[in-house]
Amino acid sequence: MYKVFIKPIFFLFQPETIHHIVFKTIKFFCAIPGVSAIIKSVYVVNDKRLERKLFGLTFPNPVGLAAGFDKDAKLYDELGYYGFGFIEIGTLTPKAQPGNEKPRMFRLPEDEALINRMGFNNGGVDEAVIRLKNRKSNVIIGGNIGKNKVTANEDAVSDYEKCFEALFDYVDYFVVNVSSPNTPNLRALQDKEPLTHLLKRVKELNNQKKTPKPILLKIAPDLTNEQLDDIIGIVAETKIDGVIATNTTISRDGLKTDANRITEIGAGGLSGKPLTKRSTEVVKYLSDKSNKSFPIIAVGGIHTGADAIEKLNAGASLVQIYTGFIYEGPGIVKRINKEILRTM
């Protein structure tokens, strides 16, 4: 029903416009007594075999919503009704920022993909915390944190510290995002020395807490094997809890969309089906080379149950979706979980 009737209507609108319309619509209907229970009855798969115990947390199923969809923690409770095992909010920065100029998100229907150059647009971490204080559900929430665009790389650690401290009491795990291609020079923080310094500092703050939270690192799919080797070494040295692989790619290889259209769109991170193969390769490389020494959350090009299972077989413990949610509709979570159960 979604792909035949609803998606064609959604795709008549600009991506950002329909995103906000859908958010308001879901918020409105879920406020009506009984609607959330109906949604859960349609989309949630309750089966103990789907549970994953990781980082000291019990995930009801291995399918999560990736960061970027609910940037400002506006809809995490309602999105949880659609069967997600966990929701990742953000990326959040210390100060509110508008992000890059619009238009900044583009659909590539022929490729079942998106290109975005949002630029960490968000209302700031303090605003998100106000909403998180009103958390109604028990859905597991991850806090994805980054730096403000105007913050120089040499001062970036301070931005991550501020976000970490502000969010600590309100999220279940943290993701250090240094891999978005849409904030100038951010990816330079993936280099061995600055990344080690950043993660050690966040880990130090975490260790000062009575009950530390899991800390994960989100990496780009464009890293070389040598850089992935560095990541493995950094995880071991800093003793963080895991890796999310991967963010969007700057590559445009193998796209079906007309080359002139790609040139017209310009810069941004590519997500969706074109990323499926590369993200799986990164997951498998990290898992194999590290001898499965740390958990991996796989994200990138997951549109079907088979895509998710491929990631799990490559070494992932959990998976996340974003672009697949947009192209396949809310039923994707249930379909993935059902497929996982069928293969057990």
C-alpha atoms as a PDB file:
ATOM      1  CA  MET A   1       0.000   0.000   0.000  1.00  0.00           C
ATOM      2  CA  TYR A   2       2.764   2.453   0.946  1.00  0.00           C
ATOM      3  CA  LYS A   3       4.758   2.005  -2.271  1.00  0.00           C
ATOM      4  CA  VAL A   4       1.678   2.052  -4.526  1.00  0.00           C
ATOM      5  CA  PHE A   5      -0.391   4.857  -2.998  1.00  0.00           C
ATOM      6  CA  ILE A   6       1.430   6.812  -0.291  1.00  0.00           C
ATOM      7  CA  LYS A   7       4.996   7.109  -1.564  1.00  0.00           C
ATOM      8  CA  PRO A   8       3.987   8.600  -4.958  1.00  0.00           C
ATOM      9  CA  ILE A   9       2.132  11.360  -3.098  1.00  0.00           C
ATOM     10  CA  PHE A  10       5.033  11.956  -0.710  1.00  0.00           C
ATOM     11  CA  PHE A  11       7.450  12.158  -3.621  1.00  0.00           C
ATOM     12  CA  LEU A  12       5.469  15.030  -5.154  1.00  0.00           C
ATOM     13  CA  PHE A  13       6.832  17.223  -2.351  1.00  0.00           C
ATOM     14  CA  GLN A  14      10.370  18.387  -1.643  1.00  0.00           C
ATOM     15  CA  PRO A  15      12.043  15.873   0.720  1.00  0.00           C
ATOM     16  CA  GLU A  16      12.412  18.284   3.640  1.00  0.00           C
ATOM     17  CA  THR A  17       8.880  19.616   3.241  1.00  0.00           C
ATOM     18  CA  ILE A  18       7.232  16.195   3.361  1.00  0.00           C
ATOM     19  CA  HIS A  19       9.503  15.163   6.234  1.00  0.00           C
ATOM     20  CA  HIS A  20       8.081  17.930   8.412  1.00  0.00           C
ATOM     21  CA  ILE A  21       4.514  17.253   7.248  1.00  0.00           C
ATOM     22  CA  VAL A  22       4.842  13.559   8.144  1.00  0.00           C
ATOM     23  CA  PHE A  23       6.315  14.407  11.561  1.00  0.00           C
ATOM     24  CA  LYS A  24       3.393  16.695  12.399  1.00  0.00           C
ATOM     25  CA  THR A  25       0.862  14.166  11.093  1.00  0.00           C
ATOM     26  CA  ILE A  26       2.298  11.291  13.144  1.00  0.00           C
ATOM     27  CA  LYS A  27       2.474  13.518  16.235  1.00  0.00           C
ATOM     28  CA  PHE A  28      -1.158  14.552  15.781  1.00  0.00           C
ATOM     29  CA  PHE A  29      -2.599  11.077  15.307  1.00  0.00           C
ATOM     30  CA  CYS A  30      -0.518   9.490  18.064  1.00  0.00           C
ATOM     31  CA  ALA A  31      -1.964  12.023  20.504  1.00  0.00           C
ATOM     32  CA  ILE A  32      -5.433  10.517  19.898  1.00  0.00           C
ATOM     33  CA  PRO A  33      -6.186   7.879  22.556  1.00  0.00           C
ATOM     34  CA  GLY A  34      -5.813   4.347  21.229  1.00  0.00           C
ATOM     35  CA  VAL A  35      -3.987   5.221  17.996  1.00  0.00           C
ATOM     36  CA  SER A  36      -0.524   4.336  19.295  1.00  0.00           C
ATOM     37  CA  ALA A  37      -1.833   0.912  20.390  1.00  0.00           C
ATOM     38  CA  ILE A  38      -3.241   0.310  16.914  1.00  0.00           C
ATOM     39  CA  ILE A  39       0.062   1.274  15.267  1.00  0.00           C
ATOM     40  CA  LYS A  40       1.983  -1.049  17.572  1.00  0.00           C
ATOM     41  CA  SER A  41      -0.405  -3.907  16.873  1.00  0.00           C
ATOM     42  CA  VAL A  42       0.251  -3.513  13.142  1.00  0.00           C
ATOM     43  CA  TYR A  43       4.020  -2.983  13.106  1.00  0.00           C
ATOM     44  CA  VAL A  44       5.638  -4.422  16.242  1.00  0.00           C
ATOM     45  CA  VAL A  45       7.007  -7.968  16.188  1.00  0.00           C
ATOM     46  CA  ASN A  46       7.226  -9.315  19.732  1.00  0.00           C
ATOM     47  CA  ASP A  47       9.493 -12.343  19.831  1.00  0.00           C
ATOM     48  CA  LYS A  48      12.160 -13.080  22.435  1.00  0.00           C
ATOM     49  CA  ARG A  49      14.343 -14.614  19.730  1.00  0.00           C
ATOM     50  CA  LEU A  50      14.862 -11.133  18.276  1.00  0.00           C
ATOM     51  CA  GLU A  51      16.342  -9.747  21.499  1.00  0.00           C
ATOM     52  CA  ARG A  52      19.966  -8.645  21.466  1.00  0.00           C
ATOM     53  CA  LYS A  53      21.947  -8.008  24.641  1.00  0.00           C
ATOM     54  CA  LEU A  54      24.683  -5.528  23.879  1.00  0.00           C
ATOM     55  CA  PHE A  55      26.557  -2.790  25.761  1.00  0.00           C
ATOM     56  CA  GLY A  56      24.657  -3.791  28.902  1.00  0.00           C
ATOM     57  CA  LEU A  57      21.371  -2.976  27.140  1.00  0.00           C
ATOM     58  CA  THR A  58      18.610  -5.315  25.981  1.00  0.00           C
ATOM     59  CA  PHE A  59      17.413  -4.405  22.490  1.00  0.00           C
ATOM     60  CA  PRO A  60      13.951  -5.890  21.780  1.00  0.00           C
ATOM     61  CA  ASN A  61      15.038  -6.455  18.183  1.00  0.00           C
ATOM     62  CA  PRO A  62      18.130  -5.629  16.117  1.00  0.00           C
ATOM     63  CA  VAL A  63      16.556  -3.036  13.785  1.00  0.00           C
ATOM     64  CA  GLY A  64      17.113   0.612  14.686  1.00  0.00           C
ATOM     65  CA  LEU A  65      16.460   4.002  13.150  1.00  0.00           C
ATOM     66  CA  ALA A  66      19.656   5.777  12.126  1.00  0.00           C
ATOM     67  CA  ALA A  67      20.575   9.302  13.168  1.00  0.00           C
ATOM     68  CA  GLY A  68      19.412  12.139  10.951  1.00  0.00           C
ATOM     69  CA  PHE A  69      15.742  11.194  10.799  1.00  0.00           C
ATOM     70  CA  ASP A  70      14.762  12.538  14.228  1.00  0.00           C
ATOM     71  CA  LYS A  71      17.534  15.098  14.591  1.00  0.00           C
ATOM     72  CA  ASP A  72      15.944  17.107  17.388  1.00  0.00           C
ATOM     73  CA  ALA A  73      14.329  14.328  19.454  1.00  0.00           C
ATOM     74  CA  LYS A  74      10.843  15.437  18.417  1.00  0.00           C
ATOM     75  CA  LEU A  75       9.292  12.063  17.553  1.00  0.00           C
ATOM     76  CA  TYR A  76      11.282   9.293  19.223  1.00  0.00           C
ATOM     77  CA  ASP A  77       8.348   7.940  21.271  1.00  0.00           C
ATOM     78  CA  GLU A  78       6.014   7.827  18.273  1.00  0.00           C
ATOM     79  CA  LEU A  79       8.618   6.312  15.963  1.00  0.00           C
ATOM     80  CA  GLY A  80       9.133   3.587  18.534  1.00  0.00           C
ATOM     81  CA  TYR A  81       5.547   2.470  17.916  1.00  0.00           C
ATOM     82  CA  TYR A  82       6.609   1.347  14.425  1.00  0.00           C
ATOM     83  CA  GLY A  83       8.614  -1.534  15.812  1.00  0.00           C
ATOM     84  CA  PHE A  84      12.150  -0.165  15.997  1.00  0.00           C
ATOM     85  CA  GLY A  85      14.435  -1.819  18.500  1.00  0.00           C
ATOM     86  CA  PHE A  86      16.150   1.504  19.131  1.00  0.00           C
ATOM     87  CA  ILE A  87      16.106   5.118  17.921  1.00  0.00           C
ATOM     88  CA  GLU A  88      19.160   7.298  17.379  1.00  0.00           C
ATOM     89  CA  ILE A  89      18.596  11.046  17.655  1.00  0.00           C
ATOM     90  CA  GLY A  90      20.844  13.789  16.301  1.00  0.00           C
ATOM     91  CA  THR A  91      23.328  14.709  15.154  1.00  0.00           C
ATOM     92  CA  LEU A  92      23.146  17.305  17.930  1.00  0.00           C
ATOM     93  CA  THR A  93      25.569  20.196  18.415  1.00  0.00           C
ATOM     94  CA  PRO A  94      26.092  22.478  21.443  1.00  0.00           C
ATOM     95  CA  LYS A  95      24.498  25.503  19.771  1.00  0.00           C
ATOM     96  CA  ALA A  96      21.534  25.611  17.416  1.00  0.00           C
ATOM     97  CA  GLN A  97      22.500  25.993  13.772  1.00  0.00           C
ATOM     98  CA  PRO A  98      20.467  26.251  10.555  1.00  0.00           C
ATOM     99  CA  GLY A  99      22.622  23.894   8.505  1.00  0.00           C
ATOM    100  CA  ASN A 100      23.433  24.439   4.849  1.00  0.00           C
ATOM    101  CA  GLU A 101      21.328  26.398   2.380  1.00  0.00           C
ATOM    102  CA  LYS A 102      18.224  24.796   0.889  1.00  0.00           C
ATOM    103  CA  PRO A 103      17.591  22.782  -1.170  1.00  0.00           C
ATOM    104  CA  ARG A 104      19.900  20.326   0.582  1.00  0.00           C
ATOM    105  CA  MET A 105      18.210  16.932   0.221  1.00  0.00           C
ATOM    106  CA  PHE A 106      17.580  15.208  -3.096  1.00  0.00           C
ATOM    107  CA  ARG A 107      15.961  11.935  -4.126  1.00  0.00           C
ATOM    108  CA  LEU A 108      17.461   9.609  -6.724  1.00  0.00           C
ATOM    109  CA  PRO A 109      14.467   7.296  -7.360  1.00  0.00           C
ATOM    110  CA  GLU A 110      16.241   5.314 -10.074  1.00  0.00           C
ATOM    111  CA  ASP A 111      18.892   4.371  -7.520  1.00  0.00           C
ATOM    112  CA  GLU A 112      16.605   4.204  -4.480  1.00  0.00           C
ATOM    113  CA  ALA A 113      18.953   6.694  -2.912  1.00  0.00           C
ATOM    114  CA  LEU A 114      19.239  10.137  -1.349  1.00  0.00           C
ATOM    115  CA  ILE A 115      21.869  12.833  -1.493  1.00  0.00           C
ATOM    116  CA  ASN A 116      21.909  15.222   1.442  1.00  0.00           C
ATOM    117  CA  ARG A 117      24.062  18.104   2.558  1.00  0.00           C
ATOM    118  CA  MET A 118      22.019  19.067   5.591  1.00  0.00           C
ATOM    119  CA  GLY A 119      25.013  20.225   7.629  1.00  0.00           C
ATOM    120  CA  PHE A 120      23.962  19.201  11.162  1.00  0.00           C
ATOM    121  CA  ASN A 121      20.881  21.438  11.166  1.00  0.00           C
ATOM    122  CA  ASN A 122      19.420  21.204  14.676  1.00  0.00           C
ATOM    123  CA  GLY A 123      18.012  23.298  17.479  1.00  0.00           C
ATOM    124  CA  GLY A 124      20.931  22.618  19.780  1.00  0.00           C
ATOM    125  CA  VAL A 125      21.445  19.995  22.458  1.00  0.00           C
ATOM    126  CA  ASP A 126      19.689  21.901  25.267  1.00  0.00           C
ATOM    127  CA  GLU A 127      16.448  22.083  23.279  1.00  0.00           C
ATOM    128  CA  ALA A 128      16.601  18.327  22.630  1.00  0.00           C
ATOM    129  CA  VAL A 129      17.148  17.661  26.328  1.00  0.00           C
ATOM    130  CA  ILE A 130      13.905  19.493  27.178  1.00  0.00           C
ATOM    131  CA  ARG A 131      12.029  17.045  24.929  1.00  0.00           C
ATOM    132  CA  LEU A 132      13.915  14.025  26.231  1.00  0.00           C
ATOM    133  CA  LYS A 133      12.851  14.907  29.763  1.00  0.00           C
ATOM    134  CA  ASN A 134       9.287  14.172  28.628  1.00  0.00           C
ATOM    135  CA  ARG A 135      10.130  10.680  27.398  1.00  0.00           C
ATOM    136  CA  LYS A 136       7.046   8.467  27.668  1.00  0.00           C
ATOM    137  CA  SER A 137       8.178   5.147  26.213  1.00  0.00           C
ATOM    138  CA  ASN A 138      10.992   2.785  27.129  1.00  0.00           C
ATOM    139  CA  VAL A 139      12.466   2.746  23.614  1.00  0.00           C
ATOM    140  CA  ILE A 140      16.278   2.665  23.657  1.00  0.00           C
ATOM    141  CA  ILE A 141      17.659   6.034  22.555  1.00  0.00           C
ATOM    142  CA  GLY A 142      21.120   6.790  21.217  1.00  0.00           C
ATOM    143  CA  GLY A 143      22.546  10.301  21.250  1.00  0.00           C
ATOM    144  CA  ASN A 144      24.551  11.168  18.134  1.00  0.00           C
ATOM    145  CA  ILE A 145      26.819  14.156  18.836  1.00  0.00           C
ATOM    146  CA  GLY A 146      28.915  16.443  16.675  1.00  0.00           C
ATOM    147  CA  LYS A 147      30.530  19.864  16.506  1.00  0.00           C
ATOM    148  CA  ASN A 148      29.162  23.196  15.351  1.00  0.00           C
ATOM    149  CA  LYS A 149      30.162  24.354  11.885  1.00  0.00           C
ATOM    150  CA  VAL A 150      31.880  27.491  13.255  1.00  0.00           C
ATOM    151  CA  THR A 151      33.954  25.504  15.754  1.00  0.00           C
ATOM    152  CA  ALA A 152      37.521  24.969  14.549  1.00  0.00           C
ATOM    153  CA  ASN A 153      38.804  21.399  14.581  1.00  0.00           C
ATOM    154  CA  GLU A 154      41.373  22.244  17.252  1.00  0.00           C
ATOM    155  CA  ASP A 155      38.461  23.229  19.536  1.00  0.00           C
ATOM    156  CA  ALA A 156      36.136  20.390  18.507  1.00  0.00           C
ATOM    157  CA  VAL A 157      36.669  18.327  21.663  1.00  0.00           C
ATOM    158  CA  SER A 158      34.915  21.026  23.693  1.00  0.00           C
ATOM    159  CA  ASP A 159      31.785  20.729  21.540  1.00  0.00           C
ATOM    160  CA  TYR A 160      31.636  16.966  22.029  1.00  0.00           C
ATOM    161  CA  GLU A 161      32.170  17.416  25.771  1.00  0.00           C
ATOM    162  CA  LYS A 162      29.246  19.856  26.015  1.00  0.00           C
ATOM    163  CA  CYS A 163      26.903  17.545  24.124  1.00  0.00           C
ATOM    164  CA  PHE A 164      27.991  14.531  26.156  1.00  0.00           C
ATOM    165  CA  GLU A 165      27.409  16.237  29.490  1.00  0.00           C
ATOM    166  CA  ALA A 166      24.048  17.709  28.449  1.00  0.00           C
ATOM    167  CA  LEU A 167      22.671  14.415  27.107  1.00  0.00           C
ATOM    168  CA  PHE A 168      24.164  11.978  29.596  1.00  0.00           C
ATOM    169  CA  ASP A 169      21.111  11.520  31.819  1.00  0.00           C
ATOM    170  CA  TYR A 170      18.684  11.236  28.905  1.00  0.00           C
ATOM    171  CA  VAL A 171      20.110   8.768  26.376  1.00  0.00           C
ATOM    172  CA  ASP A 172      21.120   5.114  26.606  1.00  0.00           C
ATOM    173  CA  TYR A 173      24.246   5.247  24.450  1.00  0.00           C
ATOM    174  CA  PHE A 174      26.391   7.810  22.615  1.00  0.00           C
ATOM    175  CA  VAL A 175      27.657   8.040  19.058  1.00  0.00           C
ATOM    176  CA  VAL A 176      30.624  10.267  18.244  1.00  0.00           C
ATOM    177  CA  ASN A 177      30.031  11.494  14.691  1.00  0.00           C
ATOM    178  CA  VAL A 178      33.170  12.605  12.861  1.00  0.00           C
ATOM    179  CA  SER A 179      32.173  11.172   9.489  1.00  0.00           C
ATOM    180  CA  SER A 180      29.512  13.421   7.982  1.00  0.00           C
ATOM    181  CA  PRO A 181      30.716  14.910   4.678  1.00  0.00           C
ATOM    182  CA  ASN A 182      28.533  18.002   5.112  1.00  0.00           C
ATOM    183  CA  THR A 183      30.411  19.934   7.812  1.00  0.00           C
ATOM    184  CA  PRO A 184      33.663  21.482   6.535  1.00  0.00           C
ATOM    185  CA  ASN A 185      36.789  19.620   7.702  1.00  0.00           C
ATOM    186  CA  LEU A 186      34.815  17.343  10.041  1.00  0.00           C
ATOM    187  CA  ARG A 187      36.159  14.174   8.434  1.00  0.00           C
ATOM    188  CA  ALA A 188      39.699  15.311   9.224  1.00  0.00           C
ATOM    189  CA  LEU A 189      38.845  14.363  12.816  1.00  0.00           C
ATOM    190  CA  GLN A 190      38.883  10.716  11.647  1.00  0.00           C
ATOM    191  CA  ASP A 191      42.675  10.945  11.350  1.00  0.00           C
ATOM    192  CA  LYS A 192      44.419   8.829  13.935  1.00  0.00           C
ATOM    193  CA  GLU A 193      45.826  11.489  16.266  1.00  0.00           C
ATOM    194  CA  PRO A 194      42.798  13.828  16.600  1.00  0.00           C
ATOM    195  CA  LEU A 195      40.354  10.927  16.759  1.00  0.00           C
ATOM    196  CA  THR A 196      42.311   9.164  19.493  1.00  0.00           C
ATOM    197  CA  HIS A 197      42.475  12.397  21.482  1.00  0.00           C
ATOM    198  CA  LEU A 198      38.737  13.039  21.080  1.00  0.00           C
ATOM    199  CA  LEU A 199      37.638   9.526  22.045  1.00  0.00           C
ATOM    200  CA  LYS A 200      39.993   9.387  25.024  1.00  0.00           C
ATOM    201  CA  ARG A 201      38.511  12.620  26.339  1.00  0.00           C
ATOM    202  CA  VAL A 202      34.899  11.441  25.916  1.00  0.00           C
ATOM    203  CA  LYS A 203      35.827   8.114  27.499  1.00  0.00           C
ATOM    204  CA  GLU A 204      37.480   9.963  30.398  1.00  0.00           C
ATOM    205  CA  LEU A 205      34.299  11.958  31.033  1.00  0.00           C
ATOM    206  CA  ASN A 206      32.269   8.760  30.818  1.00  0.00           C
ATOM    207  CA  ASN A 207      34.454   6.964  33.353  1.00  0.00           C
ATOM    208  CA  GLN A 208      33.811   9.749  35.846  1.00  0.00           C
ATOM    209  CA  LYS A 209      30.112   8.891  35.880  1.00  0.00           C
ATOM    210  CA  LYS A 210      28.593   6.529  38.425  1.00  0.00           C
ATOM    211  CA  THR A 211      27.116   4.395  35.632  1.00  0.00           C
ATOM    212  CA  PRO A 212      28.999   4.976  32.347  1.00  0.00           C
ATOM    213  CA  LYS A 213      27.114   4.804  29.042  1.00  0.00           C
ATOM    214  CA  PRO A 214      28.229   2.919  25.907  1.00  0.00           C
ATOM    215  CA  ILE A 215      30.244   5.047  23.479  1.00  0.00           C
ATOM    216  CA  LEU A 216      30.374   4.245  19.769  1.00  0.00           C
ATOM    217  CA  LEU A 217      32.169   5.809  16.825  1.00  0.00           C
ATOM    218  CA  LYS A 218      30.442   6.424  13.480  1.00  0.00           C
ATOM    219  CA  ILE A 219      32.771   6.136  10.513  1.00  0.00           C
ATOM    220  CA  ALA A 220      32.653   6.941   6.804  1.00  0.00           C
ATOM    221  CA  PRO A 221      32.446   4.282   4.082  1.00  0.00           C
ATOM    222  CA  ASP A 222      35.180   6.066   2.155  1.00  0.00           C
ATOM    223  CA  LEU A 223      38.037   5.021   4.456  1.00  0.00           C
ATOM    224  CA  THR A 224      40.837   2.902   3.017  1.00  0.00           C
ATOM    225  CA  ASN A 225      41.780  -0.453   4.527  1.00  0.00           C
ATOM    226  CA  GLU A 226      44.781   1.222   6.148  1.00  0.00           C
ATOM    227  CA  GLN A 227      42.478   3.775   7.756  1.00  0.00           C
ATOM    228  CA  LEU A 228      40.140   1.002   8.889  1.00  0.00           C
ATOM    229  CA  ASP A 229      43.157  -0.689  10.482  1.00  0.00           C
ATOM    230  CA  ASP A 230      43.745   2.569  12.349  1.00  0.00           C
ATOM    231  CA  ILE A 231      40.111   2.542  13.516  1.00  0.00           C
ATOM    232  CA  ILE A 232      40.555  -0.978  14.894  1.00  0.00           C
ATOM    233  CA  GLY A 233      43.660   0.158  16.757  1.00  0.00           C
ATOM    234  CA  ILE A 234      41.949   3.285  18.079  1.00  0.00           C
ATOM    235  CA  VAL A 235      38.972   1.286  19.399  1.00  0.00           C
ATOM    236  CA  ALA A 236      41.392  -0.998  21.234  1.00  0.00           C
ATOM    237  CA  GLU A 237      43.438   1.886  22.620  1.00  0.00           C
ATOM    238  CA  THR A 238      40.552   4.081  23.742  1.00  0.00           C
ATOM    239  CA  LYS A 239      38.390   1.163  24.882  1.00  0.00           C
ATOM    240  CA  ILE A 240      35.201   2.588  23.389  1.00  0.00           C
ATOM    241  CA  ASP A 241      32.313   0.160  23.050  1.00  0.00           C
ATOM    242  CA  GLY A 242      31.814  -0.211  19.310  1.00  0.00           C
ATOM    243  CA  VAL A 243      31.551   1.221  15.813  1.00  0.00           C
ATOM    244  CA  ILE A 244      28.702   2.281  13.551  1.00  0.00           C
ATOM    245  CA  ALA A 245      29.513   1.501   9.913  1.00  0.00           C
ATOM    246  CA  THR A 246      28.774   3.502   7.886  1.00  0.00           C
ATOM    247  CA  ASN A 247      27.795   7.109   7.305  1.00  0.00           C
ATOM    248  CA  THR A 248      26.963   8.448   3.835  1.00  0.00           C
ATOM    249  CA  THR A 249      29.489   8.343   0.991  1.00  0.00           C
ATOM    250  CA  ILE A 250      30.949  11.067  -1.212  1.00  0.00           C
ATOM    251  CA  SER A 251      31.332   8.533  -4.029  1.00  0.00           C
ATOM    252  CA  ARG A 252      29.022   8.701  -7.046  1.00  0.00           C
ATOM    253  CA  ASP A 253      30.202   5.475  -8.694  1.00  0.00           C
ATOM    254  CA  GLY A 254      27.741   3.225 -10.496  1.00  0.00           C
ATOM    255  CA  LEU A 255      24.658   5.425 -10.267  1.00  0.00           C
ATOM    256  CA  LYS A 256      21.787   4.956 -12.724  1.00  0.00           C
ATOM    257  CA  THR A 257      20.637   8.576 -12.349  1.00  0.00           C
ATOM    258  CA  ASP A 258      21.647  10.811 -15.263  1.00  0.00           C
ATOM    259  CA  ALA A 259      25.135  12.249 -14.771  1.00  0.00           C
ATOM    260  CA  ASN A 260      23.920  15.779 -15.527  1.00  0.00           C
ATOM    261  CA  ARG A 261      21.402  15.496 -12.695  1.00  0.00           C
ATOM    262  CA  ILE A 262      24.136  14.357 -10.308  1.00  0.00           C
ATOM    263  CA  THR A 263      26.297  17.326 -11.349  1.00  0.00           C
ATOM    264  CA  GLU A 264      23.331  19.658 -10.892  1.00  0.00           C
ATOM    265  CA  ILE A 265      22.733  18.366  -7.348  1.00  0.00           C
ATOM    266  CA  GLY A 266      26.375  18.849  -6.391  1.00  0.00           C
ATOM    267  CA  ALA A 267      28.014  18.012  -3.083  1.00  0.00           C
ATOM    268  CA  GLY A 268      26.526  15.886  -0.338  1.00  0.00           C
ATOM    269  CA  GLY A 269      26.471  12.450   1.210  1.00  0.00           C
ATOM    270  CA  LEU A 270      24.902   9.606  -0.769  1.00  0.00           C
ATOM    271  CA  SER A 271      22.782   7.027   1.071  1.00  0.00           C
ATOM    272  CA  GLY A 272      20.544   4.148   0.070  1.00  0.00           C
ATOM    273  CA  LYS A 273      20.941   1.195  -2.263  1.00  0.00           C
ATOM    274  CA  PRO A 274      24.244   2.337  -3.874  1.00  0.00           C
ATOM    275  CA  LEU A 275      25.855   2.093  -0.429  1.00  0.00           C
ATOM    276  CA  THR A 276      24.735  -1.481   0.306  1.00  0.00           C
ATOM    277  CA  LYS A 277      27.837  -3.267  -0.968  1.00  0.00           C
ATOM    278  CA  ARG A 278      30.440  -0.874   0.414  1.00  0.00           C
ATOM    279  CA  SER A 279      28.941  -0.655   3.895  1.00  0.00           C
ATOM    280  CA  THR A 280      28.834  -4.455   4.087  1.00  0.00           C
ATOM    281  CA  GLU A 281      32.484  -4.607   2.999  1.00  0.00           C
ATOM    282  CA  VAL A 282      33.453  -2.207   5.789  1.00  0.00           C
ATOM    283  CA  VAL A 283      31.488  -4.190   8.382  1.00  0.00           C
ATOM    284  CA  LYS A 284      33.104  -7.450   7.283  1.00  0.00           C
ATOM    285  CA  TYR A 285      36.608  -5.951   7.189  1.00  0.00           C
ATOM    286  CA  LEU A 286      36.305  -4.510  10.690  1.00  0.00           C
ATOM    287  CA  SER A 287      34.792  -7.719  12.061  1.00  0.00           C
ATOM    288  CA  ASP A 288      37.328 -10.041  10.467  1.00  0.00           C
ATOM    289  CA  LYS A 289      40.455  -7.940  11.065  1.00  0.00           C
ATOM    290  CA  SER A 290      39.534  -7.219  14.687  1.00  0.00           C
ATOM    291  CA  ASN A 291      38.613 -10.866  15.309  1.00  0.00           C
ATOM    292  CA  LYS A 292      35.152  -9.640  16.357  1.00  0.00           C
ATOM    293  CA  SER A 293      36.686  -7.770  19.277  1.00  0.00           C
ATOM    294  CA  PHE A 294      33.993  -5.067  19.341  1.00  0.00           C
ATOM    295  CA  PRO A 295      30.311  -4.829  18.326  1.00  0.00           C
ATOM    296  CA  ILE A 296      29.371  -3.184  15.029  1.00  0.00           C
ATOM    297  CA  ILE A 297      26.077  -1.509  14.156  1.00  0.00           C
ATOM    298  CA  ALA A 298      25.619  -1.702  10.393  1.00  0.00           C
ATOM    299  CA  VAL A 299      23.878   1.012   8.400  1.00  0.00           C
ATOM    300  CA  GLY A 300      23.864   1.729   4.686  1.00  0.00           C
ATOM    301  CA  GLY A 301      21.597   0.498   1.915  1.00  0.00           C
ATOM    302  CA  ILE A 302      19.328  -1.719   3.992  1.00  0.00           C
ATOM    303  CA  HIS A 303      16.019  -1.912   2.115  1.00  0.00           C
ATOM    304  CA  THR A 304      15.037  -5.567   2.655  1.00  0.00           C
ATOM    305  CA  GLY A 305      15.319  -8.365   5.153  1.00  0.00           C
ATOM    306  CA  ALA A 306      17.992  -9.924   2.953  1.00  0.00           C
ATOM    307  CA  ASP A 307      20.044  -6.711   3.133  1.00  0.00           C
ATOM    308  CA  ALA A 308      19.863  -6.740   6.922  1.00  0.00           C
ATOM    309  CA  ILE A 309      20.772 -10.412   7.175  1.00  0.00           C
ATOM    310  CA  GLU A 310      23.741  -9.832   4.879  1.00  0.00           C
ATOM    311  CA  LYS A 311      25.004  -7.188   7.314  1.00  0.00           C
ATOM    312  CA  LEU A 312      24.448  -9.463  10.313  1.00  0.00           C
ATOM    313  CA  ASN A 313      26.264 -12.316   8.583  1.00  0.00           C
ATOM    314  CA  ALA A 314      29.141  -9.952   7.780  1.00  0.00           C
ATOM    315  CA  GLY A 315      29.662  -9.362  11.495  1.00  0.00           C
ATOM    316  CA  ALA A 316      27.152  -6.741  12.600  1.00  0.00           C
ATOM    317  CA  SER A 317      25.319  -7.138  15.894  1.00  0.00           C
ATOM    318  CA  LEU A 318      22.573  -4.623  15.074  1.00  0.00           C
ATOM    319  CA  VAL A 319      21.415  -2.743  11.978  1.00  0.00           C
ATOM    320  CA  GLN A 320      19.963   0.702  11.314  1.00  0.00           C
ATOM    321  CA  ILE A 321      17.834   2.062   8.502  1.00  0.00           C
ATOM    322  CA  TYR A 322      17.079   5.533   7.173  1.00  0.00           C
ATOM    323  CA  THR A 323      16.781   5.744   3.381  1.00  0.00           C
ATOM    324  CA  GLY A 324      15.157   2.310   3.278  1.00  0.00           C
ATOM    325  CA  PHE A 325      12.480   3.615   5.652  1.00  0.00           C
ATOM    326  CA  ILE A 326      11.677   6.395   3.177  1.00  0.00           C
ATOM    327  CA  TYR A 327      11.602   4.170   0.085  1.00  0.00           C
ATOM    328  CA  GLU A 328      10.010   1.068   1.603  1.00  0.00           C
ATOM    329  CA  GLY A 329       7.714   2.605   4.207  1.00  0.00           C
ATOM    330  CA  PRO A 330       7.079   1.829   7.888  1.00  0.00           C
ATOM    331  CA  GLY A 331       6.425  -1.855   7.215  1.00  0.00           C
ATOM    332  CA  ILE A 332      10.148  -2.362   6.522  1.00  0.00           C
ATOM    333  CA  VAL A 333      10.951  -2.898  10.216  1.00  0.00           C
ATOM    334  CA  LYS A 334       8.397  -5.679  10.579  1.00  0.00           C
ATOM    335  CA  ARG A 335       9.490  -7.296   7.304  1.00  0.00           C
ATOM    336  CA  ILE A 336      13.154  -7.310   8.357  1.00  0.00           C
ATOM    337  CA  ASN A 337      12.368  -8.791  11.752  1.00  0.00           C
ATOM    338  CA  LYS A 338      10.128 -11.457  10.209  1.00  0.00           C
ATOM    339  CA  GLU A 339      12.892 -12.364   7.746  1.00  0.00           C
ATOM    340  CA  ILE A 340      15.426 -12.643  10.583  1.00  0.00           C
ATOM    341  CA  LEU A 341      13.074 -15.007  12.409  1.00  0.00           C
ATOM    342  CA  ARG A 342      12.593 -17.092   9.259  1.00  0.00           C
ATOM    343  CA  THR A 343      16.349 -17.588   8.884  1.00  0.00           C
ATOM    344  CA  MET A 344      16.903 -18.677  12.488  1.00  0.00           C
END
